[in-house]
Amino acid sequence: MRKIKWSGLLGIIGNKFLLTFLIFAVWLIIFDQHNLIDRYKSHRNLNQLKKDSLYYHHKILTDRQSIKLLETDKKSLEKFARERYLMKAPDEDIFVIIKKDK
């Protein structure tokens, strides 16, 4: 069995520079106003917001194209109204088929 030299271990732990560094590191990681845990959460939140921004930017562009198409083409406007809002001409009947998922 090996014997642990307590005086050597206490000398390392008792080193004032090491002890100061450990206290400073714990302070930065946990207690500081700009601690590393909050910075990680903020960084993750920022990345999610950037992804959302790209998604909505793409969605706005596609919606603008759809609006422009609906404003300029009568046939596409009629197709949109029939498909989306189930509108019909007075002499037509509409049959809606709903597929059940298995």
PDB file of N, CA and C in Angstrom:
ATOM      1  N   MET A   1       0.819  -1.181   0.000  1.00  0.00           N
ATOM      2  CA  MET A   1       0.000   0.000   0.000  1.00  0.00           C
ATOM      3  C   MET A   1       0.869   1.252   0.000  1.00  0.00           C
ATOM      4  N   ARG A   2       0.425   2.201  -0.775  1.00  0.00           N
ATOM      5  CA  ARG A   2       1.187   3.447  -0.817  1.00  0.00           C
ATOM      6  C   ARG A   2       0.702   4.385   0.280  1.00  0.00           C
ATOM      7  N   LYS A   3       1.599   5.055   0.842  1.00  0.00           N
ATOM      8  CA  LYS A   3       1.250   6.044   1.859  1.00  0.00           C
ATOM      9  C   LYS A   3       1.207   7.417   1.193  1.00  0.00           C
ATOM     10  N   ILE A   4       0.162   8.131   1.498  1.00  0.00           N
ATOM     11  CA  ILE A   4      -0.004   9.468   0.958  1.00  0.00           C
ATOM     12  C   ILE A   4       0.735  10.444   1.860  1.00  0.00           C
ATOM     13  N   LYS A   5       1.496  11.296   1.235  1.00  0.00           N
ATOM     14  CA  LYS A   5       2.216  12.292   2.020  1.00  0.00           C
ATOM     15  C   LYS A   5       1.312  13.510   2.167  1.00  0.00           C
ATOM     16  N   TRP A   6       0.729  13.633   3.335  1.00  0.00           N
ATOM     17  CA  TRP A   6      -0.222  14.710   3.581  1.00  0.00           C
ATOM     18  C   TRP A   6       0.448  16.077   3.546  1.00  0.00           C
ATOM     19  N   SER A   7       1.670  16.137   3.915  1.00  0.00           N
ATOM     20  CA  SER A   7       2.328  17.444   3.927  1.00  0.00           C
ATOM     21  C   SER A   7       2.505  17.970   2.501  1.00  0.00           C
ATOM     22  N   GLY A   8       2.785  17.069   1.542  1.00  0.00           N
ATOM     23  CA  GLY A   8       2.915  17.497   0.146  1.00  0.00           C
ATOM     24  C   GLY A   8       1.582  17.914  -0.435  1.00  0.00           C
ATOM     25  N   LEU A   9       0.508  17.167  -0.105  1.00  0.00           N
ATOM     26  CA  LEU A   9      -0.832  17.490  -0.586  1.00  0.00           C
ATOM     27  C   LEU A   9      -1.323  18.801   0.015  1.00  0.00           C
ATOM     28  N   LEU A  10      -1.093  19.004   1.275  1.00  0.00           N
ATOM     29  CA  LEU A  10      -1.477  20.253   1.927  1.00  0.00           C
ATOM     30  C   LEU A  10      -0.669  21.425   1.383  1.00  0.00           C
ATOM     31  N   GLY A  11       0.563  21.165   1.000  1.00  0.00           N
ATOM     32  CA  GLY A  11       1.395  22.226   0.431  1.00  0.00           C
ATOM     33  C   GLY A  11       0.837  22.699  -0.901  1.00  0.00           C
ATOM     34  N   ILE A  12       0.333  21.769  -1.716  1.00  0.00           N
ATOM     35  CA  ILE A  12      -0.233  22.140  -3.010  1.00  0.00           C
ATOM     36  C   ILE A  12      -1.557  22.867  -2.817  1.00  0.00           C
ATOM     37  N   ILE A  13      -2.418  22.333  -1.949  1.00  0.00           N
ATOM     38  CA  ILE A  13      -3.717  22.960  -1.705  1.00  0.00           C
ATOM     39  C   ILE A  13      -3.532  24.298  -0.989  1.00  0.00           C
ATOM     40  N   GLY A  14      -2.562  24.410  -0.151  1.00  0.00           N
ATOM     41  CA  GLY A  14      -2.327  25.626   0.618  1.00  0.00           C
ATOM     42  C   GLY A  14      -1.607  26.712  -0.162  1.00  0.00           C
ATOM     43  N   ASN A  15      -1.195  26.428  -1.370  1.00  0.00           N
ATOM     44  CA  ASN A  15      -0.517  27.421  -2.192  1.00  0.00           C
ATOM     45  C   ASN A  15      -1.479  28.586  -2.435  1.00  0.00           C
ATOM     46  N   LYS A  16      -1.064  29.784  -2.076  1.00  0.00           N
ATOM     47  CA  LYS A  16      -1.973  30.933  -2.158  1.00  0.00           C
ATOM     48  C   LYS A  16      -2.327  31.302  -3.595  1.00  0.00           C
ATOM     49  N   PHE A  17      -1.434  31.063  -4.535  1.00  0.00           N
ATOM     50  CA  PHE A  17      -1.734  31.381  -5.928  1.00  0.00           C
ATOM     51  C   PHE A  17      -2.750  30.411  -6.515  1.00  0.00           C
ATOM     52  N   LEU A  18      -2.577  29.141  -6.218  1.00  0.00           N
ATOM     53  CA  LEU A  18      -3.522  28.131  -6.690  1.00  0.00           C
ATOM     54  C   LEU A  18      -4.892  28.343  -6.057  1.00  0.00           C
ATOM     55  N   LEU A  19      -4.893  28.617  -4.773  1.00  0.00           N
ATOM     56  CA  LEU A  19      -6.156  28.865  -4.077  1.00  0.00           C
ATOM     57  C   LEU A  19      -6.864  30.102  -4.633  1.00  0.00           C
ATOM     58  N   THR A  20      -6.125  31.152  -4.919  1.00  0.00           N
ATOM     59  CA  THR A  20      -6.699  32.359  -5.503  1.00  0.00           C
ATOM     60  C   THR A  20      -7.258  32.078  -6.886  1.00  0.00           C
ATOM     61  N   PHE A  21      -6.513  31.315  -7.671  1.00  0.00           N
ATOM     62  CA  PHE A  21      -6.978  30.966  -9.014  1.00  0.00           C
ATOM     63  C   PHE A  21      -8.267  30.137  -8.962  1.00  0.00           C
ATOM     64  N   LEU A  22      -8.334  29.170  -8.062  1.00  0.00           N
ATOM     65  CA  LEU A  22      -9.539  28.342  -7.940  1.00  0.00           C
ATOM     66  C   LEU A  22     -10.744  29.169  -7.509  1.00  0.00           C
ATOM     67  N   ILE A  23     -10.555  30.069  -6.566  1.00  0.00           N
ATOM     68  CA  ILE A  23     -11.655  30.926  -6.122  1.00  0.00           C
ATOM     69  C   ILE A  23     -12.114  31.820  -7.275  1.00  0.00           C
ATOM     70  N   PHE A  24     -11.158  32.374  -8.017  1.00  0.00           N
ATOM     71  CA  PHE A  24     -11.488  33.232  -9.155  1.00  0.00           C
ATOM     72  C   PHE A  24     -12.226  32.451 -10.243  1.00  0.00           C
ATOM     73  N   ALA A  25     -11.792  31.213 -10.503  1.00  0.00           N
ATOM     74  CA  ALA A  25     -12.448  30.389 -11.525  1.00  0.00           C
ATOM     75  C   ALA A  25     -13.879  30.053 -11.118  1.00  0.00           C
ATOM     76  N   VAL A  26     -14.081  29.681  -9.868  1.00  0.00           N
ATOM     77  CA  VAL A  26     -15.428  29.376  -9.382  1.00  0.00           C
ATOM     78  C   VAL A  26     -16.298  30.629  -9.458  1.00  0.00           C
ATOM     79  N   TRP A  27     -15.732  31.765  -9.118  1.00  0.00           N
ATOM     80  CA  TRP A  27     -16.482  33.018  -9.184  1.00  0.00           C
ATOM     81  C   TRP A  27     -16.922  33.308 -10.621  1.00  0.00           C
ATOM     82  N   LEU A  28     -16.027  33.129 -11.587  1.00  0.00           N
ATOM     83  CA  LEU A  28     -16.366  33.398 -12.987  1.00  0.00           C
ATOM     84  C   LEU A  28     -17.396  32.408 -13.526  1.00  0.00           C
ATOM     85  N   ILE A  29     -17.291  31.165 -13.144  1.00  0.00           N
ATOM     86  CA  ILE A  29     -18.187  30.137 -13.682  1.00  0.00           C
ATOM     87  C   ILE A  29     -19.587  30.240 -13.093  1.00  0.00           C
ATOM     88  N   ILE A  30     -19.697  30.554 -11.819  1.00  0.00           N
ATOM     89  CA  ILE A  30     -20.995  30.454 -11.147  1.00  0.00           C
ATOM     90  C   ILE A  30     -21.575  31.802 -10.709  1.00  0.00           C
ATOM     91  N   PHE A  31     -20.796  32.633 -10.052  1.00  0.00           N
ATOM     92  CA  PHE A  31     -21.364  33.768  -9.336  1.00  0.00           C
ATOM     93  C   PHE A  31     -21.342  35.093 -10.082  1.00  0.00           C
ATOM     94  N   ASP A  32     -20.509  35.281 -11.048  1.00  0.00           N
ATOM     95  CA  ASP A  32     -20.347  36.568 -11.718  1.00  0.00           C
ATOM     96  C   ASP A  32     -21.604  36.955 -12.484  1.00  0.00           C
ATOM     97  N   GLN A  33     -21.774  38.262 -12.715  1.00  0.00           N
ATOM     98  CA  GLN A  33     -22.933  38.746 -13.463  1.00  0.00           C
ATOM     99  C   GLN A  33     -22.925  38.202 -14.893  1.00  0.00           C
ATOM    100  N   HIS A  34     -21.765  38.062 -15.470  1.00  0.00           N
ATOM    101  CA  HIS A  34     -21.615  37.530 -16.830  1.00  0.00           C
ATOM    102  C   HIS A  34     -20.969  36.147 -16.762  1.00  0.00           C
ATOM    103  N   ASN A  35     -21.530  35.266 -15.963  1.00  0.00           N
ATOM    104  CA  ASN A  35     -20.904  33.966 -15.759  1.00  0.00           C
ATOM    105  C   ASN A  35     -21.007  33.093 -17.013  1.00  0.00           C
ATOM    106  N   LEU A  36     -20.215  32.044 -17.033  1.00  0.00           N
ATOM    107  CA  LEU A  36     -20.117  31.204 -18.220  1.00  0.00           C
ATOM    108  C   LEU A  36     -21.400  30.423 -18.492  1.00  0.00           C
ATOM    109  N   ILE A  37     -22.121  30.073 -17.469  1.00  0.00           N
ATOM    110  CA  ILE A  37     -23.371  29.324 -17.653  1.00  0.00           C
ATOM    111  C   ILE A  37     -24.398  30.192 -18.370  1.00  0.00           C
ATOM    112  N   ASP A  38     -24.551  31.432 -17.923  1.00  0.00           N
ATOM    113  CA  ASP A  38     -25.497  32.345 -18.581  1.00  0.00           C
ATOM    114  C   ASP A  38     -25.041  32.704 -19.989  1.00  0.00           C
ATOM    115  N   ARG A  39     -23.742  32.842 -20.183  1.00  0.00           N
ATOM    116  CA  ARG A  39     -23.223  33.145 -21.527  1.00  0.00           C
ATOM    117  C   ARG A  39     -23.522  31.998 -22.482  1.00  0.00           C
ATOM    118  N   TYR A  40     -23.409  30.751 -22.022  1.00  0.00           N
ATOM    119  CA  TYR A  40     -23.718  29.599 -22.865  1.00  0.00           C
ATOM    120  C   TYR A  40     -25.204  29.591 -23.237  1.00  0.00           C
ATOM    121  N   LYS A  41     -26.070  29.847 -22.260  1.00  0.00           N
ATOM    122  CA  LYS A  41     -27.509  29.889 -22.531  1.00  0.00           C
ATOM    123  C   LYS A  41     -27.853  31.017 -23.506  1.00  0.00           C
ATOM    124  N   SER A  42     -27.226  32.177 -23.327  1.00  0.00           N
ATOM    125  CA  SER A  42     -27.476  33.301 -24.234  1.00  0.00           C
ATOM    126  C   SER A  42     -27.000  32.995 -25.648  1.00  0.00           C
ATOM    127  N   HIS A  43     -25.868  32.337 -25.750  1.00  0.00           N
ATOM    128  CA  HIS A  43     -25.337  31.971 -27.074  1.00  0.00           C
ATOM    129  C   HIS A  43     -26.257  30.977 -27.773  1.00  0.00           C
ATOM    130  N   ARG A  44     -26.760  30.007 -27.021  1.00  0.00           N
ATOM    131  CA  ARG A  44     -27.681  29.030 -27.585  1.00  0.00           C
ATOM    132  C   ARG A  44     -28.993  29.708 -28.010  1.00  0.00           C
ATOM    133  N   ASN A  45     -29.477  30.630 -27.200  1.00  0.00           N
ATOM    134  CA  ASN A  45     -30.690  31.378 -27.529  1.00  0.00           C
ATOM    135  C   ASN A  45     -30.473  32.241 -28.776  1.00  0.00           C
ATOM    136  N   LEU A  46     -29.309  32.865 -28.895  1.00  0.00           N
ATOM    137  CA  LEU A  46     -28.992  33.681 -30.063  1.00  0.00           C
ATOM    138  C   LEU A  46     -28.982  32.836 -31.335  1.00  0.00           C
ATOM    139  N   ASN A  47     -28.402  31.640 -31.265  1.00  0.00           N
ATOM    140  CA  ASN A  47     -28.395  30.758 -32.438  1.00  0.00           C
ATOM    141  C   ASN A  47     -29.811  30.365 -32.846  1.00  0.00           C
ATOM    142  N   GLN A  48     -30.674  30.093 -31.875  1.00  0.00           N
ATOM    143  CA  GLN A  48     -32.062  29.740 -32.182  1.00  0.00           C
ATOM    144  C   GLN A  48     -32.787  30.917 -32.822  1.00  0.00           C
ATOM    145  N   LEU A  49     -32.540  32.116 -32.327  1.00  0.00           N
ATOM    146  CA  LEU A  49     -33.171  33.305 -32.894  1.00  0.00           C
ATOM    147  C   LEU A  49     -32.690  33.566 -34.319  1.00  0.00           C
ATOM    148  N   LYS A  50     -31.435  33.292 -34.602  1.00  0.00           N
ATOM    149  CA  LYS A  50     -30.920  33.435 -35.965  1.00  0.00           C
ATOM    150  C   LYS A  50     -31.604  32.447 -36.908  1.00  0.00           C
ATOM    151  N   LYS A  51     -31.795  31.205 -36.450  1.00  0.00           N
ATOM    152  CA  LYS A  51     -32.493  30.204 -37.269  1.00  0.00           C
ATOM    153  C   LYS A  51     -33.935  30.640 -37.524  1.00  0.00           C
ATOM    154  N   ASP A  52     -34.597  31.141 -36.481  1.00  0.00           N
ATOM    155  CA  ASP A  52     -35.972  31.621 -36.642  1.00  0.00           C
ATOM    156  C   ASP A  52     -36.039  32.790 -37.611  1.00  0.00           C
ATOM    157  N   SER A  53     -35.066  33.683 -37.522  1.00  0.00           N
ATOM    158  CA  SER A  53     -35.036  34.838 -38.414  1.00  0.00           C
ATOM    159  C   SER A  53     -34.898  34.400 -39.870  1.00  0.00           C
ATOM    160  N   LEU A  54     -34.033  33.434 -40.145  1.00  0.00           N
ATOM    161  CA  LEU A  54     -33.885  32.930 -41.510  1.00  0.00           C
ATOM    162  C   LEU A  54     -35.165  32.264 -42.001  1.00  0.00           C
ATOM    163  N   TYR A  55     -35.805  31.502 -41.118  1.00  0.00           N
ATOM    164  CA  TYR A  55     -37.051  30.831 -41.493  1.00  0.00           C
ATOM    165  C   TYR A  55     -38.120  31.865 -41.860  1.00  0.00           C
ATOM    166  N   TYR A  56     -38.302  32.877 -41.015  1.00  0.00           N
ATOM    167  CA  TYR A  56     -39.335  33.871 -41.272  1.00  0.00           C
ATOM    168  C   TYR A  56     -39.001  34.743 -42.480  1.00  0.00           C
ATOM    169  N   HIS A  57     -37.732  34.997 -42.702  1.00  0.00           N
ATOM    170  CA  HIS A  57     -37.342  35.749 -43.895  1.00  0.00           C
ATOM    171  C   HIS A  57     -37.722  34.970 -45.156  1.00  0.00           C
ATOM    172  N   HIS A  58     -37.443  33.674 -45.152  1.00  0.00           N
ATOM    173  CA  HIS A  58     -37.816  32.826 -46.290  1.00  0.00           C
ATOM    174  C   HIS A  58     -39.343  32.775 -46.445  1.00  0.00           C
ATOM    175  N   LYS A  59     -40.049  32.664 -45.341  1.00  0.00           N
ATOM    176  CA  LYS A  59     -41.510  32.617 -45.363  1.00  0.00           C
ATOM    177  C   LYS A  59     -42.091  33.921 -45.926  1.00  0.00           C
ATOM    178  N   ILE A  60     -41.517  35.065 -45.554  1.00  0.00           N
ATOM    179  CA  ILE A  60     -41.982  36.355 -46.070  1.00  0.00           C
ATOM    180  C   ILE A  60     -41.782  36.430 -47.575  1.00  0.00           C
ATOM    181  N   LEU A  61     -40.635  35.963 -48.052  1.00  0.00           N
ATOM    182  CA  LEU A  61     -40.376  35.995 -49.496  1.00  0.00           C
ATOM    183  C   LEU A  61     -41.368  35.130 -50.265  1.00  0.00           C
ATOM    184  N   THR A  62     -41.647  33.928 -49.771  1.00  0.00           N
ATOM    185  CA  THR A  62     -42.595  33.060 -50.472  1.00  0.00           C
ATOM    186  C   THR A  62     -44.011  33.635 -50.428  1.00  0.00           C
ATOM    187  N   ASP A  63     -44.381  34.243 -49.306  1.00  0.00           N
ATOM    188  CA  ASP A  63     -45.713  34.860 -49.211  1.00  0.00           C
ATOM    189  C   ASP A  63     -45.844  36.055 -50.149  1.00  0.00           C
ATOM    190  N   ARG A  64     -44.772  36.838 -50.279  1.00  0.00           N
ATOM    191  CA  ARG A  64     -44.811  37.969 -51.210  1.00  0.00           C
ATOM    192  C   ARG A  64     -44.991  37.480 -52.646  1.00  0.00           C
ATOM    193  N   GLN A  65     -44.317  36.389 -52.987  1.00  0.00           N
ATOM    194  CA  GLN A  65     -44.469  35.834 -54.336  1.00  0.00           C
ATOM    195  C   GLN A  65     -45.896  35.342 -54.555  1.00  0.00           C
ATOM    196  N   SER A  66     -46.457  34.688 -53.549  1.00  0.00           N
ATOM    197  CA  SER A  66     -47.832  34.198 -53.663  1.00  0.00           C
ATOM    198  C   SER A  66     -48.818  35.357 -53.811  1.00  0.00           C
ATOM    199  N   ILE A  67     -48.632  36.412 -53.043  1.00  0.00           N
ATOM    200  CA  ILE A  67     -49.518  37.577 -53.130  1.00  0.00           C
ATOM    201  C   ILE A  67     -49.412  38.225 -54.501  1.00  0.00           C
ATOM    202  N   LYS A  68     -48.190  38.352 -54.989  1.00  0.00           N
ATOM    203  CA  LYS A  68     -48.001  38.957 -56.312  1.00  0.00           C
ATOM    204  C   LYS A  68     -48.684  38.118 -57.385  1.00  0.00           C
ATOM    205  N   LEU A  69     -48.565  36.803 -57.288  1.00  0.00           N
ATOM    206  CA  LEU A  69     -49.203  35.910 -58.246  1.00  0.00           C
ATOM    207  C   LEU A  69     -50.732  36.022 -58.157  1.00  0.00           C
ATOM    208  N   LEU A  70     -51.276  36.092 -56.957  1.00  0.00           N
ATOM    209  CA  LEU A  70     -52.720  36.198 -56.791  1.00  0.00           C
ATOM    210  C   LEU A  70     -53.258  37.540 -57.280  1.00  0.00           C
ATOM    211  N   GLU A  71     -52.478  38.593 -57.143  1.00  0.00           N
ATOM    212  CA  GLU A  71     -52.923  39.905 -57.607  1.00  0.00           C
ATOM    213  C   GLU A  71     -52.880  40.039 -59.121  1.00  0.00           C
ATOM    214  N   THR A  72     -52.022  39.279 -59.788  1.00  0.00           N
ATOM    215  CA  THR A  72     -51.855  39.455 -61.236  1.00  0.00           C
ATOM    216  C   THR A  72     -52.594  38.421 -62.070  1.00  0.00           C
ATOM    217  N   ASP A  73     -52.848  37.239 -61.552  1.00  0.00           N
ATOM    218  CA  ASP A  73     -53.430  36.164 -62.362  1.00  0.00           C
ATOM    219  C   ASP A  73     -54.798  35.762 -61.803  1.00  0.00           C
ATOM    220  N   LYS A  74     -55.844  35.940 -62.604  1.00  0.00           N
ATOM    221  CA  LYS A  74     -57.213  35.611 -62.175  1.00  0.00           C
ATOM    222  C   LYS A  74     -57.392  34.117 -61.965  1.00  0.00           C
ATOM    223  N   LYS A  75     -56.782  33.297 -62.826  1.00  0.00           N
ATOM    224  CA  LYS A  75     -56.956  31.847 -62.695  1.00  0.00           C
ATOM    225  C   LYS A  75     -56.322  31.316 -61.416  1.00  0.00           C
ATOM    226  N   SER A  76     -55.166  31.837 -61.060  1.00  0.00           N
ATOM    227  CA  SER A  76     -54.539  31.389 -59.815  1.00  0.00           C
ATOM    228  C   SER A  76     -55.338  31.863 -58.604  1.00  0.00           C
ATOM    229  N   LEU A  77     -55.957  33.048 -58.697  1.00  0.00           N
ATOM    230  CA  LEU A  77     -56.807  33.526 -57.604  1.00  0.00           C
ATOM    231  C   LEU A  77     -58.025  32.629 -57.439  1.00  0.00           C
ATOM    232  N   GLU A  78     -58.641  32.235 -58.541  1.00  0.00           N
ATOM    233  CA  GLU A  78     -59.796  31.345 -58.474  1.00  0.00           C
ATOM    234  C   GLU A  78     -59.393  29.981 -57.929  1.00  0.00           C
ATOM    235  N   LYS A  79     -58.250  29.460 -58.379  1.00  0.00           N
ATOM    236  CA  LYS A  79     -57.756  28.166 -57.887  1.00  0.00           C
ATOM    237  C   LYS A  79     -57.488  28.236 -56.384  1.00  0.00           C
ATOM    238  N   PHE A  80     -56.879  29.317 -55.937  1.00  0.00           N
ATOM    239  CA  PHE A  80     -56.588  29.500 -54.514  1.00  0.00           C
ATOM    240  C   PHE A  80     -57.876  29.535 -53.694  1.00  0.00           C
ATOM    241  N   ALA A  81     -58.879  30.275 -54.172  1.00  0.00           N
ATOM    242  CA  ALA A  81     -60.147  30.378 -53.447  1.00  0.00           C
ATOM    243  C   ALA A  81     -60.863  29.037 -53.399  1.00  0.00           C
ATOM    244  N   ARG A  82     -60.832  28.300 -54.482  1.00  0.00           N
ATOM    245  CA  ARG A  82     -61.506  26.995 -54.512  1.00  0.00           C
ATOM    246  C   ARG A  82     -60.816  25.989 -53.589  1.00  0.00           C
ATOM    247  N   GLU A  83     -59.498  25.956 -53.615  1.00  0.00           N
ATOM    248  CA  GLU A  83     -58.769  24.968 -52.813  1.00  0.00           C
ATOM    249  C   GLU A  83     -58.740  25.339 -51.335  1.00  0.00           C
ATOM    250  N   ARG A  84     -58.502  26.589 -51.053  1.00  0.00           N
ATOM    251  CA  ARG A  84     -58.283  26.986 -49.669  1.00  0.00           C
ATOM    252  C   ARG A  84     -59.580  27.222 -48.909  1.00  0.00           C
ATOM    253  N   TYR A  85     -60.524  27.859 -49.532  1.00  0.00           N
ATOM    254  CA  TYR A  85     -61.745  28.246 -48.844  1.00  0.00           C
ATOM    255  C   TYR A  85     -62.983  27.506 -49.331  1.00  0.00           C
ATOM    256  N   LEU A  86     -62.783  26.501 -50.168  1.00  0.00           N
ATOM    257  CA  LEU A  86     -63.859  25.645 -50.684  1.00  0.00           C
ATOM    258  C   LEU A  86     -64.976  26.463 -51.336  1.00  0.00           C
ATOM    259  N   MET A  87     -64.594  27.528 -52.029  1.00  0.00           N
ATOM    260  CA  MET A  87     -65.578  28.335 -52.739  1.00  0.00           C
ATOM    261  C   MET A  87     -65.974  27.622 -54.026  1.00  0.00           C
ATOM    262  N   LYS A  88     -67.168  27.914 -54.514  1.00  0.00           N
ATOM    263  CA  LYS A  88     -67.678  27.230 -55.703  1.00  0.00           C
ATOM    264  C   LYS A  88     -68.559  28.166 -56.504  1.00  0.00           C
ATOM    265  N   ALA A  89     -68.769  27.770 -57.729  1.00  0.00           N
ATOM    266  CA  ALA A  89     -69.705  28.502 -58.582  1.00  0.00           C
ATOM    267  C   ALA A  89     -71.120  28.083 -58.194  1.00  0.00           C
ATOM    268  N   PRO A  90     -72.145  28.883 -58.512  1.00  0.00           N
ATOM    269  CA  PRO A  90     -73.523  28.556 -58.093  1.00  0.00           C
ATOM    270  C   PRO A  90     -74.041  27.213 -58.627  1.00  0.00           C
ATOM    271  N   ASP A  91     -73.549  26.752 -59.747  1.00  0.00           N
ATOM    272  CA  ASP A  91     -74.070  25.508 -60.316  1.00  0.00           C
ATOM    273  C   ASP A  91     -73.157  24.310 -60.053  1.00  0.00           C
ATOM    274  N   GLU A  92     -72.251  24.399 -59.094  1.00  0.00           N
ATOM    275  CA  GLU A  92     -71.320  23.306 -58.807  1.00  0.00           C
ATOM    276  C   GLU A  92     -71.619  22.682 -57.445  1.00  0.00           C
ATOM    277  N   ASP A  93     -71.173  21.439 -57.294  1.00  0.00           N
ATOM    278  CA  ASP A  93     -71.192  20.759 -55.994  1.00  0.00           C
ATOM    279  C   ASP A  93     -69.752  20.449 -55.612  1.00  0.00           C
ATOM    280  N   ILE A  94     -69.469  20.504 -54.324  1.00  0.00           N
ATOM    281  CA  ILE A  94     -68.114  20.227 -53.839  1.00  0.00           C
ATOM    282  C   ILE A  94     -68.150  18.965 -52.997  1.00  0.00           C
ATOM    283  N   PHE A  95     -67.212  18.078 -53.274  1.00  0.00           N
ATOM    284  CA  PHE A  95     -67.046  16.875 -52.499  1.00  0.00           C
ATOM    285  C   PHE A  95     -65.652  16.925 -51.856  1.00  0.00           C
ATOM    286  N   VAL A  96     -65.611  16.893 -50.556  1.00  0.00           N
ATOM    287  CA  VAL A  96     -64.347  16.932 -49.838  1.00  0.00           C
ATOM    288  C   VAL A  96     -64.016  15.525 -49.397  1.00  0.00           C
ATOM    289  N   ILE A  97     -62.833  15.049 -49.797  1.00  0.00           N
ATOM    290  CA  ILE A  97     -62.382  13.698 -49.446  1.00  0.00           C
ATOM    291  C   ILE A  97     -61.285  13.836 -48.410  1.00  0.00           C
ATOM    292  N   ILE A  98     -61.498  13.260 -47.252  1.00  0.00           N
ATOM    293  CA  ILE A  98     -60.528  13.304 -46.183  1.00  0.00           C
ATOM    294  C   ILE A  98     -59.930  11.912 -46.007  1.00  0.00           C
ATOM    295  N   LYS A  99     -58.613  11.824 -46.132  1.00  0.00           N
ATOM    296  CA  LYS A  99     -57.929  10.531 -45.972  1.00  0.00           C
ATOM    297  C   LYS A  99     -57.593  10.330 -44.505  1.00  0.00           C
ATOM    298  N   LYS A 100     -57.912   9.157 -43.994  1.00  0.00           N
ATOM    299  CA  LYS A 100     -57.586   8.833 -42.622  1.00  0.00           C
ATOM    300  C   LYS A 100     -56.207   8.203 -42.582  1.00  0.00           C
ATOM    301  N   ASP A 101     -55.394   8.667 -41.640  1.00  0.00           N
ATOM    302  CA  ASP A 101     -54.060   8.091 -41.464  1.00  0.00           C
ATOM    303  C   ASP A 101     -54.168   6.788 -40.691  1.00  0.00           C
ATOM    304  N   LYS A 102     -53.356   5.843 -41.078  1.00  0.00           N
ATOM    305  CA  LYS A 102     -53.394   4.538 -40.393  1.00  0.00           C
ATOM    306  C   LYS A 102     -52.410   4.507 -39.266  1.00  0.00           C
TER     307      LYS A 102
END
